[in-house]
Amino acid sequence: MSTLLKSAQALKPLFDRVLVQRLKAANKTASGLYIPEKNQEKLNQGVVISVGPGITNTTTGQVIPVSVKAGDQVLLPSFGGNPVKVGDEEYLLYTDKEILAKIENNN
């Protein structure tokens, strides 16, 4: 089976869409026990892979840019997003307004 998608970097979202890879939960406990995949919790955090240019304001004609950029860590809603599979990896496409928050790491 042939596919046009060779890597996530080949995906360029349109309008105000954001391509996100959800962070994976730990697959083993601190003591070293493996957690079955069906029992692993789904994290609501992700990393932005790429973003669209923004959406055009119909009144002024100006482009309203997306509020996140590639590499940002974000807080995701429990449900939603359109799944996109590239190889063995799964990504999610959200609109900018669906992303709940940007996570700032001030270490």
C-alpha atoms as a PDB file:
ATOM      1  CA  MET A   1       0.000   0.000   0.000  1.00  0.00           C
ATOM      2  CA  SER A   2       1.440   3.356  -1.033  1.00  0.00           C
ATOM      3  CA  THR A   3       0.950   6.536   0.942  1.00  0.00           C
ATOM      4  CA  LEU A   4       1.834  10.157   0.297  1.00  0.00           C
ATOM      5  CA  LEU A   5       2.696  10.704   3.948  1.00  0.00           C
ATOM      6  CA  LYS A   6       6.320   9.806   4.593  1.00  0.00           C
ATOM      7  CA  SER A   7       6.708  11.937   7.735  1.00  0.00           C
ATOM      8  CA  ALA A   8       4.710  14.301   9.918  1.00  0.00           C
ATOM      9  CA  GLN A   9       6.842  17.184   8.616  1.00  0.00           C
ATOM     10  CA  ALA A  10       5.251  16.611   5.193  1.00  0.00           C
ATOM     11  CA  LEU A  11       1.895  17.657   6.678  1.00  0.00           C
ATOM     12  CA  LYS A  12       1.219  21.387   6.420  1.00  0.00           C
ATOM     13  CA  PRO A  13      -2.067  22.228   8.154  1.00  0.00           C
ATOM     14  CA  LEU A  14      -4.397  24.701   6.474  1.00  0.00           C
ATOM     15  CA  PHE A  15      -6.102  27.751   7.973  1.00  0.00           C
ATOM     16  CA  ASP A  16      -6.052  27.690  11.799  1.00  0.00           C
ATOM     17  CA  ARG A  17      -5.401  23.963  12.196  1.00  0.00           C
ATOM     18  CA  VAL A  18      -2.678  22.591  14.455  1.00  0.00           C
ATOM     19  CA  LEU A  19      -0.989  19.171  14.134  1.00  0.00           C
ATOM     20  CA  VAL A  20      -0.247  17.738  17.588  1.00  0.00           C
ATOM     21  CA  GLN A  21       1.386  14.558  18.831  1.00  0.00           C
ATOM     22  CA  ARG A  22      -0.129  13.472  22.137  1.00  0.00           C
ATOM     23  CA  LEU A  23       2.408  12.632  24.846  1.00  0.00           C
ATOM     24  CA  LYS A  24       2.459   8.949  25.711  1.00  0.00           C
ATOM     25  CA  ALA A  25       1.784   7.711  29.237  1.00  0.00           C
ATOM     26  CA  ALA A  26       4.423   5.719  31.064  1.00  0.00           C
ATOM     27  CA  ASN A  27       4.296   2.049  30.131  1.00  0.00           C
ATOM     28  CA  LYS A  28       5.792   0.857  33.405  1.00  0.00           C
ATOM     29  CA  THR A  29       5.537   1.800  37.059  1.00  0.00           C
ATOM     30  CA  ALA A  30       8.302   3.326  39.168  1.00  0.00           C
ATOM     31  CA  SER A  31       9.041  -0.167  40.520  1.00  0.00           C
ATOM     32  CA  GLY A  32       9.474  -1.552  36.987  1.00  0.00           C
ATOM     33  CA  LEU A  33       6.153  -3.333  36.436  1.00  0.00           C
ATOM     34  CA  TYR A  34       4.759  -3.053  32.910  1.00  0.00           C
ATOM     35  CA  ILE A  35       1.295  -1.498  32.576  1.00  0.00           C
ATOM     36  CA  PRO A  36      -0.978  -3.127  29.966  1.00  0.00           C
ATOM     37  CA  GLU A  37      -1.746  -0.741  27.092  1.00  0.00           C
ATOM     38  CA  LYS A  38      -5.501  -0.775  27.773  1.00  0.00           C
ATOM     39  CA  ASN A  39      -4.856   0.370  31.372  1.00  0.00           C
ATOM     40  CA  GLN A  40      -2.527   3.227  30.459  1.00  0.00           C
ATOM     41  CA  GLU A  41      -4.093   6.599  30.962  1.00  0.00           C
ATOM     42  CA  LYS A  42      -4.469   8.955  28.018  1.00  0.00           C
ATOM     43  CA  LEU A  43      -2.502  12.125  28.706  1.00  0.00           C
ATOM     44  CA  ASN A  44      -4.103  15.418  27.791  1.00  0.00           C
ATOM     45  CA  GLN A  45      -0.791  17.005  26.847  1.00  0.00           C
ATOM     46  CA  GLY A  46       0.907  17.142  23.486  1.00  0.00           C
ATOM     47  CA  VAL A  47       3.622  18.737  21.405  1.00  0.00           C
ATOM     48  CA  VAL A  48       2.790  20.925  18.410  1.00  0.00           C
ATOM     49  CA  ILE A  49       4.348  19.490  15.238  1.00  0.00           C
ATOM     50  CA  SER A  50       3.190  22.120  12.721  1.00  0.00           C
ATOM     51  CA  VAL A  51       0.596  24.876  12.368  1.00  0.00           C
ATOM     52  CA  GLY A  52      -1.386  26.507   9.599  1.00  0.00           C
ATOM     53  CA  PRO A  53      -0.950  30.171   8.650  1.00  0.00           C
ATOM     54  CA  GLY A  54      -4.118  31.290  10.443  1.00  0.00           C
ATOM     55  CA  ILE A  55      -7.655  32.216   9.516  1.00  0.00           C
ATOM     56  CA  THR A  56      -8.801  35.296   7.598  1.00  0.00           C
ATOM     57  CA  ASN A  57     -11.024  37.781   9.386  1.00  0.00           C
ATOM     58  CA  THR A  58     -14.027  38.144   7.064  1.00  0.00           C
ATOM     59  CA  THR A  59     -14.606  41.774   8.088  1.00  0.00           C
ATOM     60  CA  THR A  60     -11.104  43.222   7.744  1.00  0.00           C
ATOM     61  CA  GLY A  61      -9.454  40.636   5.490  1.00  0.00           C
ATOM     62  CA  GLN A  62      -6.483  40.365   7.860  1.00  0.00           C
ATOM     63  CA  VAL A  63      -5.026  36.963   8.706  1.00  0.00           C
ATOM     64  CA  ILE A  64      -5.342  36.082  12.385  1.00  0.00           C
ATOM     65  CA  PRO A  65      -2.279  33.931  13.156  1.00  0.00           C
ATOM     66  CA  VAL A  66      -2.416  30.691  15.144  1.00  0.00           C
ATOM     67  CA  SER A  67      -1.617  31.195  18.847  1.00  0.00           C
ATOM     68  CA  VAL A  68       0.918  28.322  19.109  1.00  0.00           C
ATOM     69  CA  LYS A  69       4.021  27.344  17.140  1.00  0.00           C
ATOM     70  CA  ALA A  70       5.876  24.111  16.383  1.00  0.00           C
ATOM     71  CA  GLY A  71       7.580  22.731  19.482  1.00  0.00           C
ATOM     72  CA  ASP A  72       5.108  24.247  21.988  1.00  0.00           C
ATOM     73  CA  GLN A  73       3.659  21.956  24.639  1.00  0.00           C
ATOM     74  CA  VAL A  74      -0.115  22.268  24.868  1.00  0.00           C
ATOM     75  CA  LEU A  75      -3.046  21.102  26.982  1.00  0.00           C
ATOM     76  CA  LEU A  76      -5.576  19.164  24.902  1.00  0.00           C
ATOM     77  CA  PRO A  77      -9.282  18.479  25.416  1.00  0.00           C
ATOM     78  CA  SER A  78     -10.272  14.964  26.512  1.00  0.00           C
ATOM     79  CA  PHE A  79     -12.097  14.358  23.240  1.00  0.00           C
ATOM     80  CA  GLY A  80     -11.872  15.721  19.730  1.00  0.00           C
ATOM     81  CA  GLY A  81      -9.209  16.239  17.149  1.00  0.00           C
ATOM     82  CA  ASN A  82      -9.013  14.425  13.839  1.00  0.00           C
ATOM     83  CA  PRO A  83      -6.598  11.477  13.960  1.00  0.00           C
ATOM     84  CA  VAL A  84      -3.896  11.279  11.284  1.00  0.00           C
ATOM     85  CA  LYS A  85      -1.689   8.200  11.047  1.00  0.00           C
ATOM     86  CA  VAL A  86       1.833   8.494   9.642  1.00  0.00           C
ATOM     87  CA  GLY A  87       3.628   5.158   9.659  1.00  0.00           C
ATOM     88  CA  ASP A  88       3.186   3.741  13.159  1.00  0.00           C
ATOM     89  CA  GLU A  89       2.704   7.156  14.782  1.00  0.00           C
ATOM     90  CA  GLU A  90      -0.653   8.819  15.375  1.00  0.00           C
ATOM     91  CA  TYR A  91      -1.130  12.584  15.334  1.00  0.00           C
ATOM     92  CA  LEU A  92      -4.180  14.762  15.903  1.00  0.00           C
ATOM     93  CA  LEU A  93      -5.398  17.789  13.959  1.00  0.00           C
ATOM     94  CA  TYR A  94      -7.154  20.443  16.055  1.00  0.00           C
ATOM     95  CA  THR A  95      -8.358  23.925  15.245  1.00  0.00           C
ATOM     96  CA  ASP A  96      -6.535  26.642  17.169  1.00  0.00           C
ATOM     97  CA  LYS A  97      -9.586  27.395  19.330  1.00  0.00           C
ATOM     98  CA  GLU A  98      -9.892  23.726  20.431  1.00  0.00           C
ATOM     99  CA  ILE A  99      -6.484  23.780  22.173  1.00  0.00           C
ATOM    100  CA  LEU A 100      -7.062  24.553  25.844  1.00  0.00           C
ATOM    101  CA  ALA A 101      -3.744  26.105  26.888  1.00  0.00           C
ATOM    102  CA  LYS A 102      -0.065  26.486  26.137  1.00  0.00           C
ATOM    103  CA  ILE A 103       2.210  24.961  28.794  1.00  0.00           C
ATOM    104  CA  GLU A 104       5.062  27.244  29.827  1.00  0.00           C
ATOM    105  CA  ASN A 105       8.068  25.524  31.408  1.00  0.00           C
ATOM    106  CA  ASN A 106       9.795  28.187  33.522  1.00  0.00           C
ATOM    107  CA  ASN A 107      12.631  26.150  35.009  1.00  0.00           C
END
